[in-house]
Amino acid sequence: MANNLWKEIDFEKYQYHVTISSNNSEKTIEENKIVRIEDLEKRRNAYGICGECKNPGTGNKWCQKCNAERFEKNFNKWTSGNKEIDELIKYSQLKAVYHQKCLELIPFEDFKEVTYKAEGGFGKIYEAKWPKGHICYWDIENNEWNRRSNIKVALKSLNNFSERITEFINEVKSHLEIYLTDVIQCYGITQKEENYMMVLQFCENGNMRDYLNKSENYIDYESKIEHLYMMARGLSDIHNAGKVHRDIHPGNILFWSASYISDLGMCQREKGEKDNEIFGVLPYMAPEVLRRREYTKAADIYSFGIVMHEFISEDIPYCEIPHDKTLALSICKDGRRPEISGDIPKLLADLIIKCWDDKAENRPTAIELCQKFKKLDEEIKTHCDSEDEDNENSEDDSDKEDNKGKNNNGNKKKNFKLSKKDSGICFQIKECEKFRKKEKIKSKNNEAYKAYFSKSLSECLSCKI
């Protein structure tokens, strides 16, 4: 009997799957981890050997050649009834270098407890249970697909589907073209009557505002910087694919154990030309987009800067004024931006200001944001002790009570132990953490935030301006 000789991937050394093209528009944050498809020795070291063809794997427990042959044998056993959708699914199965790039046609009857969740500007979202679950790898011993079973998924349909089949297919294609570590995965396509739906990864903690509003405990800066790093990495993956997201806002940042960029419905190649119509959520739209200039990667960075400020400060931008033409003019002509919260460390405040600079060329790139957050994260972990006995003795009773709590990940909260070797960010964060704890600054205690949450977030999504 044949046996696979797969290896457990050392993620400190290798990425999750091979890279086919080296023509990325930007370098990645972790160039040293890239495994080129032509580098057989590195593939062998990273992923191990396929038990069927004896060639190095192309991803985690995945052989592109053998799995493509396996899928192709079943092509005549299914159809969606739409030639374009069939061809897209078949193409993904033939070209997949690991399981996240492999789509399936999933019978709607396979889903249980389908529940309506929300409606945005372009379609509806449902939550469902999928007992069978998505493909992970081929189990050579049992001659069947190993699946991650009993999972929740999101089902996304488009309004007026018959008129928007091209948009639907382009959105699914975007999921296939982008490295998906920090971008929501598309498992496949399902069909209910005449309507087709994308089957997407479900995030239990909801979008960014859900996450902030529902967190029972204080979310410290270390956790927030980790999440910002993941968000920036996801945006970098989109930009490396030569695309722009075009709709970065809190409703499209989803949280589970990690954070993910979602909704690739407006994601497209950077065109270098003006748009006749403007769609988006006004507070997060770059001034040049409001001026009807071309949408570039720098416009995504502007949106990221507004999101970053909201995530750190837990203050909703422009929540007390109408989101109308007056606000748009103020953003474009007067350079209006959200007021920087006083409890944001200066290093982070400076980065936010760079992101929403009026001149697109002055904004950092997504890869530069990744590098910055990675460095900050490493500095914090280096200078942060799980317990600080020296500082504990000097804390007042309320601080001690706060320190008995846990952060949003369920871990004991950390105190910052300062010494002569401490970096600027650690000192700034320590002072800001003190201020936030003392003033009890939490999203659930913020009246403006509560009032805003009384409305459905989807009411303001994807509005035409």
Protein backbone atom coordinates (compact mmCIF):
# COMPACT_ATOMS: atom_id res chain seq x y z
CA MET A 1 0.00 0.00 0.00
CA ALA A 2 1.25 3.49 -0.89
CA ASN A 3 1.87 5.92 1.93
CA ASN A 4 2.23 9.67 1.84
CA LEU A 5 5.42 11.04 3.31
CA TRP A 6 4.06 14.48 4.10
CA LYS A 7 5.84 16.75 6.54
CA GLU A 8 4.37 18.98 9.18
CA ILE A 9 5.17 22.44 7.84
CA ASP A 10 7.60 24.54 9.85
CA PHE A 11 5.81 27.87 9.46
CA GLU A 12 8.84 29.70 10.81
CA LYS A 13 10.68 28.61 7.65
CA TYR A 14 8.11 27.95 4.92
CA GLN A 15 4.84 29.32 3.58
CA TYR A 16 1.67 27.22 3.38
CA HIS A 17 1.99 26.41 -0.33
CA VAL A 18 4.21 26.95 -3.36
CA THR A 19 4.38 30.23 -5.26
CA ILE A 20 3.88 29.80 -8.99
CA SER A 21 4.58 33.33 -10.23
CA SER A 22 7.48 35.52 -9.17
CA ASN A 23 6.01 38.60 -10.85
CA ASN A 24 4.45 40.13 -7.74
CA SER A 25 4.10 43.89 -7.85
CA GLU A 26 5.57 44.16 -4.37
CA LYS A 27 7.80 42.02 -2.20
CA THR A 28 6.15 40.05 0.53
CA ILE A 29 6.79 40.57 4.23
CA GLU A 30 8.47 37.15 4.48
CA GLU A 31 10.46 36.64 1.28
CA ASN A 32 12.64 33.98 2.91
CA LYS A 33 9.60 31.70 3.41
CA ILE A 34 8.62 31.59 -0.26
CA VAL A 35 8.75 28.14 -1.88
CA ARG A 36 8.92 28.38 -5.69
CA ILE A 37 7.19 25.60 -7.60
CA GLU A 38 10.34 24.92 -9.61
CA ASP A 39 12.46 24.46 -6.44
CA LEU A 40 11.97 20.71 -5.94
CA GLU A 41 14.44 20.41 -3.08
CA LYS A 42 12.82 23.20 -1.06
CA ARG A 43 9.38 21.71 -1.77
CA ARG A 44 10.59 18.35 -0.48
CA ASN A 45 11.96 19.94 2.68
CA ALA A 46 8.83 22.03 3.23
CA TYR A 47 5.98 19.67 2.35
CA GLY A 48 7.36 16.15 1.97
CA ILE A 49 6.63 13.54 -0.72
CA CYS A 50 3.39 12.43 -2.40
CA GLY A 51 2.83 8.70 -1.86
CA GLU A 52 1.31 8.25 -5.34
CA CYS A 53 3.64 10.02 -7.78
CA LYS A 54 6.66 10.27 -5.43
CA ASN A 55 7.11 13.97 -6.26
CA PRO A 56 7.47 16.78 -3.71
CA GLY A 57 4.19 18.29 -2.50
CA THR A 58 2.90 21.67 -3.64
CA GLY A 59 1.36 22.63 -0.31
CA ASN A 60 0.26 21.30 3.04
CA LYS A 61 -0.48 17.57 2.42
CA TRP A 62 -1.26 18.39 -1.20
CA CYS A 63 -0.05 17.14 -4.59
CA GLN A 64 -1.36 19.33 -7.40
CA LYS A 65 -0.75 16.72 -10.14
CA CYS A 66 -2.43 13.75 -8.44
CA ASN A 67 -5.37 15.71 -7.05
CA ALA A 68 -6.01 17.35 -10.44
CA GLU A 69 -6.25 13.89 -12.03
CA ARG A 70 -8.58 12.78 -9.24
CA PHE A 71 -10.90 15.76 -9.72
CA GLU A 72 -10.92 15.43 -13.51
CA LYS A 73 -12.27 11.87 -13.35
CA ASN A 74 -15.45 13.26 -11.75
CA PHE A 75 -16.05 16.22 -14.07
CA ASN A 76 -18.83 14.37 -15.94
CA LYS A 77 -20.67 13.59 -12.70
CA TRP A 78 -21.79 17.10 -11.79
CA THR A 79 -22.95 20.42 -13.26
CA SER A 80 -24.23 23.68 -11.84
CA GLY A 81 -26.33 24.34 -14.92
CA ASN A 82 -24.15 27.35 -15.74
CA LYS A 83 -21.21 26.80 -18.07
CA GLU A 84 -19.11 29.68 -16.72
CA ILE A 85 -19.48 28.51 -13.12
CA ASP A 86 -18.68 24.91 -14.11
CA GLU A 87 -15.53 26.03 -15.92
CA LEU A 88 -14.42 28.15 -12.96
CA ILE A 89 -14.80 25.26 -10.50
CA LYS A 90 -13.03 22.83 -12.84
CA TYR A 91 -10.18 25.29 -13.41
CA SER A 92 -9.69 25.72 -9.66
CA GLN A 93 -9.58 21.96 -9.11
CA LEU A 94 -7.02 21.41 -11.87
CA LYS A 95 -4.75 24.26 -10.78
CA ALA A 96 -5.05 24.11 -6.97
CA VAL A 97 -1.65 23.85 -5.28
CA TYR A 98 -3.27 23.44 -1.86
CA HIS A 99 -6.76 22.95 -0.48
CA GLN A 100 -7.71 26.62 -0.05
CA LYS A 101 -7.53 27.14 -3.82
CA CYS A 102 -9.89 24.26 -4.55
CA LEU A 103 -13.57 25.07 -5.13
CA GLU A 104 -16.45 22.60 -4.98
CA LEU A 105 -20.01 22.61 -6.28
CA ILE A 106 -21.90 21.98 -3.03
CA PRO A 107 -25.55 20.80 -3.05
CA PHE A 108 -27.72 23.23 -1.08
CA GLU A 109 -29.23 20.24 0.75
CA ASP A 110 -25.83 19.66 2.40
CA PHE A 111 -26.36 22.77 4.54
CA LYS A 112 -28.36 22.68 7.76
CA GLU A 113 -29.96 25.42 9.86
CA VAL A 114 -29.66 28.09 7.17
CA THR A 115 -30.38 31.45 8.83
CA TYR A 116 -30.63 34.93 7.32
CA LYS A 117 -27.98 37.26 8.81
CA ALA A 118 -27.79 40.56 6.95
CA GLU A 119 -28.28 42.42 3.70
CA GLY A 120 -25.78 44.86 2.24
CA GLY A 121 -25.88 47.06 -0.81
CA PHE A 122 -25.32 44.19 -3.23
CA GLY A 123 -26.68 41.00 -1.69
CA LYS A 124 -27.73 38.86 1.28
CA ILE A 125 -25.69 36.87 3.79
CA TYR A 126 -26.85 33.66 5.46
CA GLU A 127 -25.28 31.54 8.18
CA ALA A 128 -25.41 27.74 7.90
CA LYS A 129 -23.94 24.53 9.26
CA TRP A 130 -22.05 22.29 6.86
CA PRO A 131 -21.75 18.79 8.39
CA LYS A 132 -19.63 17.40 5.53
CA GLY A 133 -17.19 20.30 5.60
CA HIS A 134 -14.46 21.40 3.20
CA ILE A 135 -11.66 19.36 1.64
CA CYS A 136 -8.32 19.34 3.48
CA TYR A 137 -6.28 16.61 1.75
CA TRP A 138 -6.50 13.19 0.09
CA ASP A 139 -6.43 10.33 2.59
CA ILE A 140 -4.39 7.78 0.64
CA GLU A 141 -4.99 4.96 3.14
CA ASN A 142 -8.79 5.25 3.15
CA ASN A 143 -8.99 6.37 -0.49
CA GLU A 144 -11.16 9.42 0.28
CA TRP A 145 -10.98 13.14 0.95
CA ASN A 146 -10.16 14.15 4.49
CA ARG A 147 -12.49 17.00 5.41
CA ARG A 148 -12.86 19.52 8.20
CA SER A 149 -16.39 18.54 9.14
CA ASN A 150 -19.21 20.16 11.12
CA ILE A 151 -18.27 23.75 10.40
CA LYS A 152 -20.24 26.97 10.12
CA VAL A 153 -20.18 28.80 6.81
CA ALA A 154 -21.50 32.05 5.38
CA LEU A 155 -23.62 31.88 2.22
CA LYS A 156 -23.47 35.02 0.10
CA SER A 157 -25.96 35.70 -2.68
CA LEU A 158 -26.09 38.67 -5.05
CA ASN A 159 -29.24 40.66 -5.75
CA ASN A 160 -30.46 40.41 -9.36
CA PHE A 161 -28.10 37.50 -9.97
CA SER A 162 -29.08 36.97 -13.61
CA GLU A 163 -27.85 40.49 -14.41
CA ARG A 164 -24.69 40.17 -12.33
CA ILE A 165 -23.22 36.77 -13.15
CA THR A 166 -19.96 38.42 -14.27
CA GLU A 167 -19.60 40.21 -10.91
CA PHE A 168 -20.25 36.95 -9.08
CA ILE A 169 -17.61 35.06 -11.06
CA ASN A 170 -15.07 37.88 -10.71
CA GLU A 171 -15.50 37.89 -6.93
CA VAL A 172 -14.90 34.14 -6.74
CA LYS A 173 -11.87 34.53 -9.04
CA SER A 174 -10.44 37.12 -6.66
CA HIS A 175 -10.49 34.52 -3.88
CA LEU A 176 -8.49 32.18 -6.13
CA GLU A 177 -5.93 34.81 -7.14
CA ILE A 178 -5.05 36.06 -3.65
CA TYR A 179 -2.95 34.34 -0.99
CA LEU A 180 -5.60 33.59 1.63
CA THR A 181 -3.91 33.45 5.04
CA ASP A 182 -5.49 36.74 6.12
CA VAL A 183 -8.31 36.92 3.55
CA ILE A 184 -11.59 35.02 3.91
CA GLN A 185 -11.61 31.66 2.10
CA CYS A 186 -14.22 30.66 -0.49
CA TYR A 187 -14.99 26.94 -0.24
CA GLY A 188 -17.13 26.76 -3.33
CA ILE A 189 -20.50 27.56 -4.87
CA THR A 190 -24.00 26.34 -4.09
CA GLN A 191 -27.36 26.87 -5.76
CA LYS A 192 -30.85 27.44 -4.42
CA GLU A 193 -33.41 27.44 -7.20
CA GLU A 194 -32.18 29.96 -9.79
CA ASN A 195 -29.84 31.76 -7.42
CA TYR A 196 -26.17 30.90 -6.90
CA MET A 197 -24.32 31.57 -3.65
CA MET A 198 -20.70 31.68 -2.56
CA VAL A 199 -19.84 29.40 0.35
CA LEU A 200 -17.44 31.34 2.56
CA GLN A 201 -15.45 30.93 5.75
CA PHE A 202 -17.53 31.97 8.77
CA CYS A 203 -16.04 34.14 11.53
CA GLU A 204 -17.69 33.57 14.89
CA ASN A 205 -16.81 36.98 16.35
CA GLY A 206 -18.38 38.97 13.53
CA ASN A 207 -17.02 42.16 12.02
CA MET A 208 -14.69 44.65 13.68
CA ARG A 209 -17.43 46.60 15.43
CA ASP A 210 -19.06 43.39 16.65
CA TYR A 211 -15.71 42.31 18.04
CA LEU A 212 -15.10 45.59 19.86
CA ASN A 213 -18.64 45.93 21.13
CA LYS A 214 -19.01 42.37 22.40
CA SER A 215 -15.60 42.00 24.04
CA GLU A 216 -16.27 41.57 27.74
CA ASN A 217 -12.71 42.36 28.73
CA TYR A 218 -10.27 45.12 28.02
CA ILE A 219 -8.47 44.62 24.67
CA ASP A 220 -4.83 45.57 25.20
CA TYR A 221 -2.47 47.17 22.69
CA GLU A 222 -0.52 43.97 22.18
CA SER A 223 -3.65 42.20 20.92
CA LYS A 224 -4.64 45.15 18.75
CA ILE A 225 -1.21 45.41 17.13
CA GLU A 226 -1.28 41.66 16.39
CA HIS A 227 -4.65 42.09 14.67
CA LEU A 228 -3.48 45.17 12.76
CA TYR A 229 -0.51 43.15 11.51
CA MET A 230 -2.90 40.48 10.20
CA MET A 231 -5.13 43.09 8.55
CA ALA A 232 -2.13 44.75 6.88
CA ARG A 233 -0.81 41.37 5.76
CA GLY A 234 -4.18 40.57 4.17
CA LEU A 235 -4.20 43.91 2.36
CA SER A 236 -0.61 43.27 1.25
CA ASP A 237 -1.69 39.91 -0.22
CA ILE A 238 -4.45 41.66 -2.18
CA HIS A 239 -2.03 44.29 -3.48
CA ASN A 240 0.60 41.65 -4.33
CA ALA A 241 -2.00 40.02 -6.57
CA GLY A 242 -2.13 43.31 -8.50
CA LYS A 243 -5.56 44.16 -7.11
CA VAL A 244 -7.19 46.87 -5.00
CA HIS A 245 -9.93 46.05 -2.49
CA ARG A 246 -11.88 49.32 -2.93
CA ASP A 247 -14.13 48.82 0.10
CA ILE A 248 -12.06 48.62 3.30
CA HIS A 249 -14.23 49.44 6.34
CA PRO A 250 -15.09 47.78 9.70
CA GLY A 251 -17.89 45.70 8.19
CA ASN A 252 -15.37 43.99 5.93
CA ILE A 253 -12.86 43.13 8.66
CA LEU A 254 -13.95 39.86 10.29
CA PHE A 255 -12.73 38.27 13.52
CA TRP A 256 -12.35 34.72 14.71
CA SER A 257 -9.16 33.56 16.41
CA ALA A 258 -7.49 35.89 13.91
CA SER A 259 -8.67 38.82 11.78
CA TYR A 260 -9.49 38.58 8.07
CA ILE A 261 -10.29 40.90 5.19
CA SER A 262 -13.58 39.93 3.56
CA ASP A 263 -15.95 40.94 0.74
CA LEU A 264 -13.97 40.96 -2.49
CA GLY A 265 -17.03 42.07 -4.44
CA MET A 266 -15.47 45.37 -5.48
CA CYS A 267 -11.93 43.99 -5.63
CA GLN A 268 -10.36 44.41 -9.06
CA ARG A 269 -7.16 45.09 -10.93
CA GLU A 270 -5.66 48.54 -10.48
CA LYS A 271 -6.91 50.21 -13.66
CA GLY A 272 -5.26 53.61 -13.65
CA GLU A 273 -8.44 55.26 -14.90
CA LYS A 274 -11.30 57.26 -13.42
CA ASP A 275 -14.55 55.70 -12.26
CA ASN A 276 -17.83 57.16 -13.48
CA GLU A 277 -19.62 56.19 -10.27
CA ILE A 278 -18.45 56.11 -6.67
CA PHE A 279 -19.48 53.37 -4.28
CA GLY A 280 -18.37 52.95 -0.69
CA VAL A 281 -18.75 53.97 2.92
CA LEU A 282 -18.05 57.70 3.05
CA PRO A 283 -15.93 58.02 6.25
CA TYR A 284 -13.45 55.46 4.88
CA MET A 285 -13.16 56.78 1.32
CA ALA A 286 -9.97 58.54 0.23
CA PRO A 287 -10.29 62.19 -0.88
CA GLU A 288 -9.00 61.41 -4.38
CA VAL A 289 -11.76 58.80 -4.77
CA LEU A 290 -14.35 61.36 -3.68
CA ARG A 291 -12.86 63.65 -6.34
CA ARG A 292 -13.58 60.87 -8.88
CA ARG A 293 -9.93 60.15 -9.62
CA GLU A 294 -8.62 56.64 -10.22
CA TYR A 295 -8.75 54.16 -7.37
CA THR A 296 -5.22 53.04 -6.45
CA LYS A 297 -3.61 50.92 -3.75
CA ALA A 298 -2.96 54.16 -1.87
CA ALA A 299 -6.74 54.67 -1.56
CA ASP A 300 -6.94 51.32 0.25
CA ILE A 301 -4.21 52.56 2.60
CA TYR A 302 -6.25 55.68 3.41
CA SER A 303 -9.22 53.46 4.31
CA PHE A 304 -6.93 51.28 6.40
CA GLY A 305 -5.76 54.38 8.31
CA ILE A 306 -9.34 55.31 9.25
CA VAL A 307 -10.03 51.70 10.27
CA MET A 308 -6.81 51.59 12.28
CA HIS A 309 -7.76 54.71 14.24
CA GLU A 310 -11.23 53.33 14.97
CA PHE A 311 -9.84 49.95 16.04
CA ILE A 312 -7.30 51.45 18.45
CA SER A 313 -9.38 54.32 19.84
CA GLU A 314 -12.79 52.59 19.62
CA ASP A 315 -14.19 55.91 18.39
CA ILE A 316 -16.41 55.78 15.30
CA PRO A 317 -15.36 58.40 12.71
CA TYR A 318 -17.80 61.29 12.23
CA CYS A 319 -20.52 59.46 14.19
CA GLU A 320 -22.25 62.67 15.31
CA ILE A 321 -22.68 64.27 11.88
CA PRO A 322 -24.48 63.23 8.67
CA HIS A 323 -22.45 61.28 6.12
CA ASP A 324 -23.35 63.53 3.23
CA LYS A 325 -21.98 65.90 0.61
CA THR A 326 -20.96 68.42 3.29
CA LEU A 327 -18.72 65.85 4.97
CA ALA A 328 -17.27 64.77 1.61
CA LEU A 329 -16.40 68.39 0.77
CA SER A 330 -14.87 68.90 4.21
CA ILE A 331 -12.67 65.81 3.76
CA CYS A 332 -11.54 66.93 0.31
CA LYS A 333 -11.23 70.71 0.69
CA ASP A 334 -10.51 71.22 4.38
CA GLY A 335 -8.51 68.06 5.00
CA ARG A 336 -10.93 66.98 7.70
CA ARG A 337 -10.02 63.74 9.48
CA PRO A 338 -11.16 62.05 12.71
CA GLU A 339 -9.65 63.63 15.81
CA ILE A 340 -6.71 61.54 16.99
CA SER A 341 -7.60 60.02 20.35
CA GLY A 342 -5.33 61.16 23.18
CA ASP A 343 -4.78 57.60 24.41
CA ILE A 344 -3.13 56.39 21.19
CA PRO A 345 0.67 55.96 21.44
CA LYS A 346 2.50 58.57 19.36
CA LEU A 347 4.22 56.01 17.13
CA LEU A 348 0.83 54.59 16.15
CA ALA A 349 -0.75 58.05 15.84
CA ASP A 350 2.03 59.11 13.45
CA LEU A 351 1.41 56.00 11.34
CA ILE A 352 -2.33 56.70 11.19
CA ILE A 353 -1.69 60.27 10.04
CA LYS A 354 0.64 59.02 7.29
CA CYS A 355 -2.04 56.60 6.08
CA TRP A 356 -4.66 59.30 5.66
CA ASP A 357 -2.33 61.93 4.17
CA ASP A 358 -4.13 63.94 1.48
CA LYS A 359 -1.35 63.16 -1.00
CA ALA A 360 -1.54 59.52 -2.01
CA GLU A 361 2.19 59.34 -2.71
CA ASN A 362 2.97 60.17 0.93
CA ARG A 363 1.09 57.17 2.31
CA PRO A 364 2.94 53.98 3.24
CA THR A 365 2.47 50.82 1.20
CA ALA A 366 0.79 47.73 2.60
CA ILE A 367 4.15 45.95 2.85
CA GLU A 368 5.57 48.89 4.82
CA LEU A 369 2.63 48.67 7.23
CA CYS A 370 3.32 44.95 7.65
CA GLN A 371 6.96 45.63 8.43
CA LYS A 372 6.06 48.32 10.94
CA PHE A 373 3.47 46.21 12.79
CA LYS A 374 5.73 43.17 12.80
CA LYS A 375 8.54 45.22 14.34
CA LEU A 376 6.21 46.73 16.95
CA ASP A 377 4.81 43.30 17.80
CA GLU A 378 8.31 41.89 18.27
CA GLU A 379 9.37 44.85 20.43
CA ILE A 380 6.33 44.48 22.67
CA LYS A 381 6.85 40.74 23.11
CA THR A 382 10.54 41.31 23.88
CA HIS A 383 9.93 43.99 26.53
CA CYS A 384 6.74 42.61 28.02
CA ASP A 385 6.81 40.24 31.01
CA SER A 386 3.82 38.13 31.95
CA GLU A 387 4.06 39.51 35.46
CA ASP A 388 5.79 42.63 36.71
CA GLU A 389 6.38 42.32 40.43
CA ASP A 390 8.09 45.68 40.72
CA ASN A 391 5.21 47.58 39.15
CA GLU A 392 2.64 45.49 41.00
CA ASN A 393 3.73 46.94 44.33
CA SER A 394 3.20 50.49 43.13
CA GLU A 395 -0.23 50.00 41.60
CA ASP A 396 -3.29 51.35 43.30
CA ASP A 397 -6.16 49.05 44.24
CA SER A 398 -8.15 49.73 41.09
CA ASP A 399 -5.15 48.88 38.90
CA LYS A 400 -4.65 45.65 40.82
CA GLU A 401 -8.28 44.79 40.27
CA ASP A 402 -7.86 45.46 36.55
CA ASN A 403 -4.81 43.22 36.40
CA LYS A 404 -6.82 40.27 37.71
CA GLY A 405 -8.75 40.32 34.45
CA LYS A 406 -7.96 38.60 31.22
CA ASN A 407 -7.54 39.92 27.71
CA ASN A 408 -9.82 39.06 24.81
CA ASN A 409 -7.89 35.88 24.06
CA GLY A 410 -8.45 34.50 27.55
CA ASN A 411 -4.83 34.97 28.62
CA LYS A 412 -3.64 36.75 31.72
CA LYS A 413 -3.02 40.39 30.91
CA LYS A 414 0.56 41.54 30.71
CA ASN A 415 2.24 44.48 32.38
CA PHE A 416 5.11 46.36 30.81
CA LYS A 417 8.35 46.16 32.75
CA LEU A 418 10.44 49.19 31.90
CA SER A 419 14.20 49.44 32.11
CA LYS A 420 16.92 51.60 30.60
CA LYS A 421 16.83 49.38 27.52
CA ASP A 422 13.10 49.80 26.88
CA SER A 423 12.10 51.10 23.45
CA GLY A 424 9.91 54.14 22.82
CA ILE A 425 6.85 52.11 21.87
CA CYS A 426 6.89 50.18 25.14
CA PHE A 427 7.03 53.36 27.22
CA GLN A 428 4.25 54.96 25.16
CA ILE A 429 2.05 51.89 25.40
CA LYS A 430 2.57 51.56 29.14
CA GLU A 431 1.47 55.15 29.68
CA CYS A 432 -1.52 54.77 27.36
CA GLU A 433 -2.56 51.47 28.97
CA LYS A 434 -2.54 53.20 32.36
CA PHE A 435 -4.72 55.99 31.02
CA ARG A 436 -7.19 53.62 29.37
CA LYS A 437 -7.56 51.48 32.49
CA LYS A 438 -7.91 54.50 34.75
CA GLU A 439 -10.57 56.13 32.63
CA LYS A 440 -12.32 52.81 31.91
CA ILE A 441 -12.21 53.48 28.20
CA LYS A 442 -14.05 50.54 26.67
CA SER A 443 -16.23 50.36 23.60
CA LYS A 444 -19.19 49.01 25.58
CA ASN A 445 -19.08 52.08 27.87
CA ASN A 446 -18.86 54.55 24.99
CA GLU A 447 -22.34 56.05 24.57
CA ALA A 448 -21.69 57.20 21.01
CA TYR A 449 -20.57 53.72 20.10
CA LYS A 450 -23.66 52.19 21.72
CA ALA A 451 -25.99 54.56 19.90
CA TYR A 452 -24.33 53.79 16.60
CA PHE A 453 -24.63 50.08 17.25
CA SER A 454 -28.39 50.39 17.67
CA LYS A 455 -28.49 50.66 13.86
CA SER A 456 -27.63 47.77 11.60
CA LEU A 457 -24.16 48.26 10.18
CA SER A 458 -25.41 47.08 6.81
CA GLU A 459 -27.58 50.18 6.51
CA CYS A 460 -24.53 52.26 5.64
CA LEU A 461 -22.60 49.75 3.54
CA SER A 462 -21.80 50.09 -0.13
CA CYS A 463 -23.77 53.29 -0.58
CA LYS A 464 -23.68 55.06 -3.90
CA ILE A 465 -22.45 58.65 -3.54
